[in-house]
Protein backbone atom coordinates (compact mmCIF):
# COMPACT_ATOMS: atom_id res chain seq x y z
CA MET A 1 36.64 33.36 -36.85
CA LYS A 2 34.72 30.49 -35.21
CA ILE A 3 32.96 31.84 -32.12
CA ILE A 4 30.64 30.08 -29.64
CA ILE A 5 28.29 32.38 -27.70
CA LEU A 6 26.76 30.91 -24.54
CA GLY A 7 23.48 32.63 -23.70
CA ALA A 8 20.88 33.99 -26.15
CA GLY A 9 19.65 36.87 -23.96
CA GLN A 10 19.91 40.57 -24.80
CA VAL A 11 23.72 40.63 -24.75
CA GLY A 12 24.28 37.24 -26.41
CA GLY A 13 21.67 37.91 -29.09
CA THR A 14 22.97 41.41 -29.88
CA LEU A 15 26.57 40.15 -29.98
CA ALA A 16 25.55 37.36 -32.39
CA GLU A 17 23.83 39.98 -34.56
CA HIS A 18 26.97 42.16 -34.70
CA LEU A 19 29.33 39.29 -35.44
CA ALA A 20 27.13 37.34 -37.89
CA SER A 21 26.93 40.44 -40.12
CA GLU A 22 30.75 40.41 -40.32
CA ALA A 23 31.05 36.91 -41.83
CA ASN A 24 32.09 35.08 -38.65
CA ASP A 25 31.10 31.45 -38.00
CA ILE A 26 28.75 31.86 -35.01
CA THR A 27 27.07 29.22 -32.82
CA VAL A 28 24.72 30.26 -30.00
CA VAL A 29 23.91 27.93 -27.08
CA ASP A 30 20.93 28.37 -24.76
CA THR A 31 18.34 26.28 -22.90
CA ASP A 32 15.48 28.34 -24.35
CA GLY A 33 14.51 26.76 -27.69
CA GLU A 34 12.06 29.49 -28.63
CA ARG A 35 14.68 32.20 -28.21
CA LEU A 36 17.14 30.19 -30.32
CA ARG A 37 14.56 29.69 -33.08
CA ASP A 38 13.94 33.44 -33.19
CA LEU A 39 17.68 34.14 -33.50
CA GLY A 40 18.15 31.38 -36.10
CA ASP A 41 15.33 32.77 -38.24
CA ARG A 42 16.83 36.28 -38.22
CA LEU A 43 20.55 35.53 -38.48
CA ASP A 44 22.85 33.26 -40.44
CA ILE A 45 24.06 31.32 -37.37
CA ARG A 46 23.97 27.82 -35.85
CA THR A 47 22.07 27.22 -32.61
CA VAL A 48 22.36 24.45 -30.04
CA GLN A 49 19.82 23.90 -27.26
CA GLY A 50 21.26 22.68 -23.95
CA ARG A 51 23.15 23.55 -20.76
CA ALA A 52 26.05 25.78 -21.70
CA SER A 53 28.56 24.23 -19.29
CA PHE A 54 27.98 20.58 -20.31
CA PRO A 55 30.92 19.06 -22.26
CA THR A 56 28.55 17.25 -24.65
CA VAL A 57 26.72 20.49 -25.45
CA LEU A 58 29.98 22.39 -26.01
CA ARG A 59 31.25 19.61 -28.30
CA GLN A 60 27.98 19.75 -30.26
CA ALA A 61 28.48 23.53 -30.59
CA GLY A 62 31.90 22.95 -32.16
CA ALA A 63 34.22 23.58 -29.22
CA ASP A 64 36.81 21.14 -30.69
CA ASP A 65 38.01 23.77 -33.14
CA ALA A 66 36.48 27.04 -31.88
CA ASP A 67 38.70 30.14 -31.80
CA MET A 68 36.74 31.82 -29.02
CA LEU A 69 34.12 31.12 -26.35
CA VAL A 70 31.97 34.02 -25.06
CA ALA A 71 30.00 33.02 -21.94
CA VAL A 72 27.20 35.53 -21.28
CA THR A 73 24.46 33.42 -19.69
CA ASN A 74 22.54 34.83 -16.70
CA SER A 75 24.54 32.63 -14.31
CA ASP A 76 28.07 33.62 -13.23
CA GLU A 77 28.71 30.03 -12.17
CA THR A 78 27.65 28.59 -15.53
CA ASN A 79 29.88 31.09 -17.34
CA MET A 80 32.89 30.23 -15.18
CA VAL A 81 32.41 26.44 -15.41
CA ALA A 82 31.94 26.66 -19.20
CA CYS A 83 35.30 28.43 -19.50
CA GLN A 84 36.92 25.77 -17.32
CA VAL A 85 35.48 22.95 -19.45
CA ALA A 86 36.46 24.69 -22.71
CA HIS A 87 40.02 25.15 -21.42
CA THR A 88 40.50 21.65 -20.00
CA LEU A 89 38.76 19.52 -22.61
CA PHE A 90 38.89 21.58 -25.80
CA HIS A 91 41.90 23.92 -25.33
CA THR A 92 39.85 26.87 -26.60
CA PRO A 93 42.36 29.70 -27.22
CA THR A 94 40.27 32.65 -25.96
CA LYS A 95 37.62 32.49 -23.25
CA ILE A 96 35.51 35.52 -22.30
CA ALA A 97 33.07 35.43 -19.37
CA ARG A 98 30.52 37.86 -17.99
CA VAL A 99 30.72 37.81 -14.18
CA ARG A 100 28.42 40.08 -12.19
CA GLU A 101 28.93 39.13 -8.56
CA ALA A 102 31.44 41.41 -6.82
CA ALA A 103 32.40 38.59 -4.42
CA TYR A 104 34.10 36.81 -7.36
CA LEU A 105 35.63 39.93 -8.89
CA THR A 106 37.49 41.03 -5.78
CA ARG A 107 39.42 37.75 -5.37
CA ALA A 108 42.93 38.13 -6.78
CA GLY A 109 44.21 35.14 -8.76
CA LEU A 110 40.78 33.49 -9.08
CA PHE A 111 40.71 33.85 -12.86
CA ASP A 112 44.26 32.72 -13.65
CA ASN A 113 44.83 29.77 -15.97
CA ASP A 114 45.75 27.49 -13.09
CA ALA A 115 42.51 28.40 -11.27
CA ILE A 116 39.45 29.39 -13.35
CA PRO A 117 40.84 30.00 -16.85
CA VAL A 118 39.07 33.15 -18.06
CA ASP A 119 41.11 35.31 -20.46
CA VAL A 120 38.78 38.32 -20.44
CA LEU A 121 36.42 39.16 -17.59
CA ILE A 122 33.43 41.41 -18.33
CA SER A 123 31.55 43.02 -15.43
CA PRO A 124 28.50 44.95 -16.74
CA GLU A 125 28.09 46.73 -13.40
CA GLN A 126 31.70 47.95 -13.54
CA VAL A 127 31.33 49.09 -17.17
CA VAL A 128 28.07 50.97 -16.49
CA THR A 129 29.36 52.56 -13.26
CA HIS A 130 32.40 53.93 -15.09
CA TYR A 131 30.17 55.18 -17.94
CA ILE A 132 27.83 57.07 -15.56
CA LYS A 133 30.76 58.51 -13.59
CA ARG A 134 32.18 60.08 -16.78
CA LEU A 135 28.78 61.63 -17.59
CA ILE A 136 28.65 63.16 -14.10
CA GLU A 137 32.18 64.57 -14.49
CA ILE A 138 31.27 66.38 -17.76
CA PRO A 139 27.92 68.15 -17.17
CA GLY A 140 25.83 68.53 -20.32
CA ALA A 141 27.41 65.59 -22.16
CA LEU A 142 25.12 62.93 -23.68
CA GLN A 143 27.93 60.41 -24.11
CA VAL A 144 31.58 60.37 -22.99
CA ILE A 145 34.12 57.86 -24.28
CA ASP A 146 37.76 57.58 -23.14
CA PHE A 147 40.59 56.71 -25.53
CA ALA A 148 44.18 55.79 -24.65
CA GLU A 149 43.37 55.58 -20.92
CA GLY A 150 41.62 58.96 -20.88
CA LYS A 151 44.22 61.06 -22.72
CA ALA A 152 41.60 61.87 -25.37
CA GLN A 153 37.82 61.87 -25.06
CA LEU A 154 34.94 61.69 -27.49
CA VAL A 155 31.97 63.69 -26.23
CA ALA A 156 28.43 64.02 -27.59
CA VAL A 157 26.48 67.22 -26.92
CA LYS A 158 23.22 68.68 -28.17
CA ALA A 159 23.76 72.00 -29.95
CA TYR A 160 21.48 74.77 -28.64
CA TYR A 161 20.34 78.11 -30.04
CA GLY A 162 22.81 80.73 -28.87
CA GLY A 163 25.89 78.46 -29.02
CA PRO A 164 28.71 80.44 -30.72
CA LEU A 165 29.13 77.83 -33.49
CA VAL A 166 25.44 77.07 -34.08
CA GLY A 167 24.42 78.32 -37.54
CA GLN A 168 28.06 78.49 -38.68
CA GLN A 169 30.31 76.23 -40.74
CA LEU A 170 32.56 73.73 -39.00
CA ARG A 171 35.70 75.27 -40.49
CA GLN A 172 35.04 78.34 -38.31
CA LEU A 173 35.72 76.28 -35.19
CA ARG A 174 39.45 76.88 -35.68
CA GLU A 175 38.87 80.66 -35.86
CA HIS A 176 36.81 80.57 -32.66
CA MET A 177 39.45 78.51 -30.80
CA PRO A 178 42.83 78.99 -32.50
CA ASN A 179 44.70 77.38 -29.59
CA VAL A 180 42.49 74.30 -29.19
CA GLU A 181 42.80 71.25 -31.43
CA THR A 182 39.52 69.37 -31.94
CA ARG A 183 37.62 67.51 -34.62
CA VAL A 184 33.90 66.94 -35.10
CA ALA A 185 33.64 63.22 -35.82
CA ALA A 186 29.92 62.78 -36.44
CA ILE A 187 26.68 64.74 -36.43
CA PHE A 188 23.21 63.26 -36.01
CA ARG A 189 20.39 65.46 -37.29
CA ARG A 190 16.81 64.26 -36.87
CA ASP A 191 18.15 60.74 -36.26
CA ARG A 192 20.19 60.67 -39.47
CA PRO A 193 24.02 60.64 -39.55
CA ILE A 194 25.89 63.42 -41.37
CA LEU A 195 29.56 62.98 -42.27
CA PRO A 196 31.06 66.35 -41.22
CA GLN A 197 32.83 68.46 -43.86
CA GLY A 198 34.39 71.92 -43.51
CA ASP A 199 31.27 73.55 -44.97
CA THR A 200 28.81 71.59 -42.80
CA VAL A 201 26.62 74.03 -40.84
CA ILE A 202 25.74 73.05 -37.25
CA GLU A 203 22.04 73.45 -36.52
CA ALA A 204 20.24 73.73 -33.18
CA ASP A 205 19.25 70.29 -31.82
CA ASP A 206 22.05 68.52 -33.72
CA GLU A 207 23.82 65.81 -31.70
CA VAL A 208 27.48 66.66 -32.24
CA PHE A 209 30.27 64.15 -31.50
CA PHE A 210 33.71 65.72 -31.16
CA ILE A 211 37.10 64.47 -30.04
CA ALA A 212 39.76 66.46 -28.19
CA ALA A 213 42.41 66.12 -25.51
CA LYS A 214 40.73 65.71 -22.13
CA ALA A 215 41.88 69.18 -20.98
CA ASN A 216 40.10 70.85 -23.93
CA ILE A 217 36.69 69.18 -23.69
CA ARG A 218 34.91 71.95 -21.75
CA ALA A 219 36.23 74.65 -24.10
CA VAL A 220 34.86 72.83 -27.17
CA MET A 221 31.50 72.18 -25.46
CA SER A 222 31.11 75.91 -24.85
CA GLU A 223 31.05 76.45 -28.64
CA MET A 224 27.90 74.31 -28.97
CA ARG A 225 25.90 75.33 -25.91
CA ARG A 226 25.88 77.25 -22.66
CA LEU A 227 27.98 75.22 -20.21
CA ASP A 228 26.16 73.48 -17.37
CA GLU A 229 27.49 74.18 -13.89
CA SER A 230 29.30 71.33 -12.16
CA TYR A 231 26.97 68.96 -10.36
CA LYS A 232 26.95 69.01 -6.54
CA ARG A 233 23.83 67.20 -5.28
CA ILE A 234 23.11 63.72 -6.64
CA VAL A 235 20.17 61.42 -5.82
CA ILE A 236 20.44 57.73 -6.75
CA ALA A 237 17.31 55.57 -6.95
CA GLY A 238 18.30 51.95 -6.34
CA GLY A 239 20.99 50.67 -4.01
CA GLY A 240 21.89 47.57 -6.00
CA GLN A 241 25.37 46.82 -7.28
CA ILE A 242 25.51 49.75 -9.72
CA GLY A 243 24.01 52.20 -7.22
CA GLU A 244 26.42 51.12 -4.49
CA ARG A 245 29.50 51.17 -6.75
CA LEU A 246 28.63 54.58 -8.15
CA ALA A 247 28.03 56.10 -4.69
CA GLU A 248 31.34 54.65 -3.51
CA ALA A 249 33.14 56.17 -6.54
CA ILE A 250 31.70 59.69 -6.24
CA GLU A 251 30.76 60.29 -2.58
CA SER A 252 34.05 62.03 -1.77
CA ARG A 253 33.35 64.75 -4.41
CA TYR A 254 29.55 65.11 -4.37
CA GLN A 255 26.65 65.17 -1.91
CA VAL A 256 25.04 61.77 -2.55
CA LYS A 257 21.74 60.26 -1.41
CA ILE A 258 20.55 56.72 -2.19
CA ILE A 259 16.88 55.71 -2.06
CA GLU A 260 16.45 51.94 -1.59
CA MET A 261 13.35 49.85 -0.84
CA SER A 262 14.95 46.91 0.98
CA PRO A 263 15.68 47.53 4.71
CA ILE A 264 18.37 44.81 4.65
CA ARG A 265 20.09 46.41 1.66
CA CYS A 266 19.83 49.84 3.35
CA ARG A 267 21.68 48.53 6.39
CA HIS A 268 24.40 47.09 4.14
CA LEU A 269 24.77 50.41 2.30
CA SER A 270 24.94 52.37 5.57
CA ASP A 271 27.71 50.09 6.82
CA THR A 272 29.66 50.15 3.53
CA LEU A 273 29.47 53.78 2.38
CA ASP A 274 31.23 56.68 4.13
CA SER A 275 29.30 59.90 3.56
CA THR A 276 26.33 58.85 1.38
CA VAL A 277 22.90 59.41 2.98
CA VAL A 278 20.83 56.18 2.72
CA LEU A 279 17.03 56.52 2.65
CA GLN A 280 14.65 53.57 2.92
CA GLY A 281 11.61 53.95 0.67
CA SER A 282 10.35 54.11 -2.91
CA ALA A 283 11.86 56.51 -5.44
CA SER A 284 8.32 56.91 -6.84
CA ASP A 285 7.04 58.21 -3.49
CA ARG A 286 6.19 61.85 -4.22
CA ASP A 287 6.18 62.84 -0.54
CA LEU A 288 9.62 61.29 0.05
CA LEU A 289 11.11 63.12 -2.95
CA LEU A 290 9.61 66.43 -1.80
CA GLU A 291 10.81 65.84 1.76
CA GLU A 292 14.35 65.25 0.45
CA ASN A 293 14.24 68.49 -1.59
CA ILE A 294 14.40 66.83 -5.00
CA ALA A 295 14.09 70.30 -6.59
CA ASP A 296 17.61 71.03 -5.30
CA ALA A 297 19.07 67.90 -6.92
CA ASP A 298 21.43 68.57 -9.82
CA ILE A 299 20.99 65.04 -11.10
CA PHE A 300 18.60 62.15 -10.40
CA LEU A 301 19.83 58.67 -11.40
CA ALA A 302 17.35 55.78 -11.65
CA LEU A 303 19.50 52.63 -11.40
CA THR A 304 17.12 49.80 -10.38
CA ASN A 305 16.62 46.60 -12.43
CA ASP A 306 13.01 47.57 -13.27
CA ASP A 307 12.70 49.65 -16.47
CA GLU A 308 9.15 50.82 -15.72
CA ALA A 309 10.06 51.84 -12.16
CA ASN A 310 13.12 53.71 -13.47
CA ILE A 311 11.10 55.57 -16.10
CA MET A 312 8.27 56.54 -13.73
CA SER A 313 10.55 57.68 -10.88
CA SER A 314 12.64 59.72 -13.38
CA LEU A 315 9.57 61.42 -14.84
CA LEU A 316 8.31 62.20 -11.33
CA ALA A 317 11.71 63.56 -10.20
CA LYS A 318 11.91 65.81 -13.29
CA ARG A 319 8.33 67.04 -12.74
CA LEU A 320 9.22 67.89 -9.13
CA GLY A 321 12.23 69.97 -10.17
CA ALA A 322 15.33 67.74 -10.54
CA LYS A 323 17.55 69.57 -13.03
CA LYS A 324 18.69 66.50 -14.96
CA VAL A 325 17.66 62.83 -14.93
CA MET A 326 19.52 59.74 -16.17
CA THR A 327 17.87 56.34 -16.34
CA ILE A 328 19.11 52.79 -16.85
CA ILE A 329 16.97 51.00 -19.45
CA ASN A 330 17.49 47.27 -19.92
CA ASN A 331 15.09 46.95 -22.85
CA PRO A 332 16.90 48.52 -25.85
CA ALA A 333 13.55 49.13 -27.59
CA TYR A 334 12.70 51.70 -24.89
CA VAL A 335 15.95 53.69 -25.13
CA ASP A 336 15.17 55.72 -28.25
CA LEU A 337 11.57 56.22 -27.12
CA ILE A 338 12.42 58.06 -23.92
CA GLN A 339 15.77 59.83 -24.32
CA GLY A 340 15.69 63.53 -25.05
CA GLY A 341 12.27 64.34 -23.58
CA ASP A 342 11.83 64.66 -19.81
CA ILE A 343 14.51 61.99 -19.43
CA ASP A 344 17.83 63.54 -20.44
CA ILE A 345 19.94 60.40 -20.85
CA ALA A 346 18.88 56.76 -21.18
CA ILE A 347 21.70 54.29 -20.45
CA SER A 348 21.66 50.77 -21.92
CA PRO A 349 23.84 48.32 -19.92
CA GLN A 350 23.60 45.90 -22.86
CA LEU A 351 25.10 48.38 -25.34
CA ALA A 352 27.88 49.30 -22.91
CA THR A 353 28.69 45.61 -22.39
CA ILE A 354 28.54 44.85 -26.12
CA GLY A 355 31.15 47.55 -26.80
CA THR A 356 33.52 45.97 -24.28
CA LEU A 357 32.96 42.49 -25.73
CA LEU A 358 33.45 43.62 -29.32
CA ALA A 359 36.86 45.10 -28.51
CA HIS A 360 38.09 41.59 -27.62
CA VAL A 361 36.48 39.89 -30.60
CA ARG A 362 37.74 42.20 -33.36
CA ARG A 363 40.69 41.18 -35.50
CA GLY A 364 43.79 43.37 -35.67
CA ASP A 365 45.02 45.24 -32.60
CA ILE A 366 41.68 46.81 -31.68
CA VAL A 367 41.87 48.32 -28.19
CA SER A 368 38.27 49.43 -27.81
CA VAL A 369 34.98 49.58 -29.70
CA HIS A 370 32.17 51.95 -28.71
CA SER A 371 28.65 52.31 -30.02
CA LEU A 372 27.72 55.90 -30.79
CA ARG A 373 24.17 57.01 -30.38
CA ARG A 374 22.90 53.64 -29.18
CA GLY A 375 24.43 51.61 -31.98
CA ALA A 376 23.89 53.96 -34.95
CA ALA A 377 27.65 54.26 -35.54
CA GLU A 378 30.91 53.08 -33.97
CA ALA A 379 34.15 54.57 -32.67
CA ILE A 380 37.19 52.30 -32.75
CA GLU A 381 40.62 52.66 -31.16
CA ALA A 382 43.26 50.66 -33.04
CA ILE A 383 47.03 50.45 -32.59
CA ALA A 384 49.27 50.68 -35.66
CA HIS A 385 51.99 48.00 -35.67
CA GLY A 386 54.76 47.05 -38.08
CA ASP A 387 56.56 49.23 -40.60
CA ALA A 388 55.92 50.79 -44.00
CA LYS A 389 56.39 47.38 -45.71
CA SER A 390 54.16 45.25 -43.48
CA SER A 391 51.42 47.76 -42.60
CA LYS A 392 48.78 49.41 -44.79
CA VAL A 393 48.78 52.57 -42.63
CA ILE A 394 52.26 53.20 -41.20
CA GLY A 395 54.28 55.91 -42.94
CA LYS A 396 51.23 57.10 -44.90
CA ALA A 397 49.43 60.41 -44.73
CA ILE A 398 45.75 60.02 -43.87
CA ARG A 399 44.71 61.26 -47.33
CA ASP A 400 46.61 58.29 -48.88
CA ILE A 401 45.03 55.59 -46.70
CA GLY A 402 42.20 53.72 -48.44
CA LEU A 403 39.59 54.21 -45.73
CA PRO A 404 36.26 52.39 -46.25
CA PRO A 405 33.21 54.53 -47.19
CA GLY A 406 31.79 56.52 -44.27
CA THR A 407 34.99 56.10 -42.21
CA THR A 408 37.09 58.96 -40.86
CA ILE A 409 40.17 59.17 -38.63
CA GLY A 410 39.51 61.65 -35.83
CA ALA A 411 42.68 61.66 -33.78
CA ILE A 412 45.99 59.93 -33.12
CA ILE A 413 47.46 59.45 -29.66
CA ARG A 414 51.25 59.25 -29.82
CA ASP A 415 52.86 58.61 -26.42
CA GLU A 416 51.36 61.40 -24.28
CA GLU A 417 50.41 63.67 -27.19
CA VAL A 418 46.90 63.92 -28.69
CA ILE A 419 47.17 64.79 -32.40
CA ILE A 420 43.93 65.85 -34.08
CA ALA A 421 43.94 64.22 -37.53
CA HIS A 422 44.39 66.25 -40.73
CA ASP A 423 44.83 65.02 -44.31
CA ASP A 424 48.63 65.37 -44.12
CA THR A 425 49.01 63.67 -40.71
CA VAL A 426 51.35 60.65 -41.05
CA ILE A 427 50.75 57.53 -38.93
CA ALA A 428 53.72 56.04 -37.07
CA THR A 429 54.36 52.70 -35.34
CA GLY A 430 52.66 52.48 -31.95
CA ASP A 431 50.11 55.22 -32.68
CA HIS A 432 46.64 54.78 -31.18
CA VAL A 433 44.34 55.67 -34.09
CA ILE A 434 40.74 56.74 -33.37
CA LEU A 435 38.36 55.95 -36.24
CA PHE A 436 34.65 56.63 -36.73
CA LEU A 437 32.35 54.47 -38.82
CA VAL A 438 28.89 55.62 -39.84
CA ASP A 439 28.29 52.27 -41.60
CA LYS A 440 29.14 49.30 -39.36
CA LYS A 441 29.29 46.83 -42.27
CA HIS A 442 32.77 48.22 -43.04
CA ILE A 443 34.25 47.19 -39.66
CA ARG A 444 35.96 44.15 -41.21
CA ASP A 445 37.67 46.46 -43.76
CA VAL A 446 38.96 48.65 -40.90
CA GLU A 447 40.31 45.55 -39.11
CA LYS A 448 42.16 44.50 -42.27
CA LEU A 449 43.81 47.93 -42.47
CA PHE A 450 45.42 47.28 -39.08
CA HIS A 451 46.51 43.70 -39.79
CA VAL A 452 50.27 43.29 -39.95
CA GLY A 453 51.67 41.45 -42.98
CA LEU A 454 53.93 38.40 -42.57
CA SER A 455 57.04 40.43 -43.40
CA PHE A 456 56.71 42.06 -39.96
CA PHE A 457 57.31 38.73 -38.24
C-alpha cells in the first residue's frame, strides 16, 4: 500500500515505523529536515521536506497514485487543507486527519466530501478521555480495551500474592469459575511475553491480559488479586481539553475536582461543568493538596501537557496519601521508566492514537488494533467475511487455521454472544474475531487470513 504521512512528530514517526516494517511504500512529509533525516536513516522510507498542504509538495511525495494520506501534523488547519488538496487535485482514495480542536469536531457535516473531505477523523483527546474513563470504571485494571462496541473486554491486571489463581496452573481457572467463560491471552513476566498454555503457572507480579464478556470482568479479576473498591473521589490536575472532557464524562457518577493554573481557563470550566469543583492553583502545591484532603482521593489524574509537571505532581500526590495515581506521559521513553512504582499507570496519548490510526490502515476487515503493554504486543479485532470457498477462516475450527507464530485467537463475538475460543470453535460469517500477536512482524499474515478471495465477489 502506498501511504503518505504528513508530520514526522511522535505520532507520524511511530506510525511510519509500524508501517515500514510491514512492507508498505511510505513517504513522510515535514518541514523539519533534521527530523526527516533521522527517520530516513532508521527506516526504509522516502522523505520530503516542505509544507504538507502545498500541492507541489504533495505531488513530490507521490500523491498522484497514493492509496492513503494520513495528516498528523501539529496544525489542525494544515491537516484539513492537505486532505482537501489531496481530494480535489489527486483524488486520493482514503484521507485520515488528526483534528484536536473541539470547535471543529462539534460541527455536523463539516467533514463530508462536499465540505472538508476527511474519511477518518482522529481526535487524540477523545481517544485518551475514553481510555481513562474505562480505567476508572474498572478499579485495579492496568489497561482496558473494548471489542465489538464493549460486548467483550480485554483487561490487564497485576497478579498479587494471595490471589486464588496465583501459584496455580491456568487450566484451574475453569475449576475456580465453572460458570464464567474467559481466556488468558498474554502474560508479561519481568518484561518478557509468555504465550499462555494450560500448564502455565501464574506468578505474583505477572501482568495478566484476559478477555471475557463485560459482565464477567470483575469475577475474573478477583482470581488474580483482591478487588479494589469502586472509586468515588477523583482529583484531576490540568483543566485542558482532556481534563475538561473527562470531568464532563464522569462528574455525574463521581466527586470530581479539577486543579488548573490559568484563571481564565478556571472561569471557563466553572461555566461549562455542572458539579465539578474547580480550583485555581498548581497541582504541585503541597499546601493546596493537603487543604483539599488529597489523602481521601481514590485517584489522582495528572493530565497537563507537561510530562515533568505530571510526574512531579503525581509523586507528590501519592506521597501525601492519594490511593492511586495515573499520569499522561507524552514522551514514550518515560512511560516504561515510571509505571509500576509510585505512579500506578502511565498513559501515552501517542500509543492510544497510533492504535486508532492502525485500525484504518490495516488490510482486510480490521475493526480495531490495540497496543498491549505499551507496544510490546497487539490485540486485533477482525471481521470474518465470505464463505468456506473464499475465506481462509470461515467454516474452520480454530485448530485447523494456520495462525502465524505467536498468534492466538482469544474470543469470537457472534451477534450479541461472546464465545471464548477453544480449539474446536468454528468461525462463521460475520464473526468478530479477537486475535493476539506477541510478534508484530506477523500482522501482515493475520491480515491475509481475513482477506476475501475473488470467488466471494
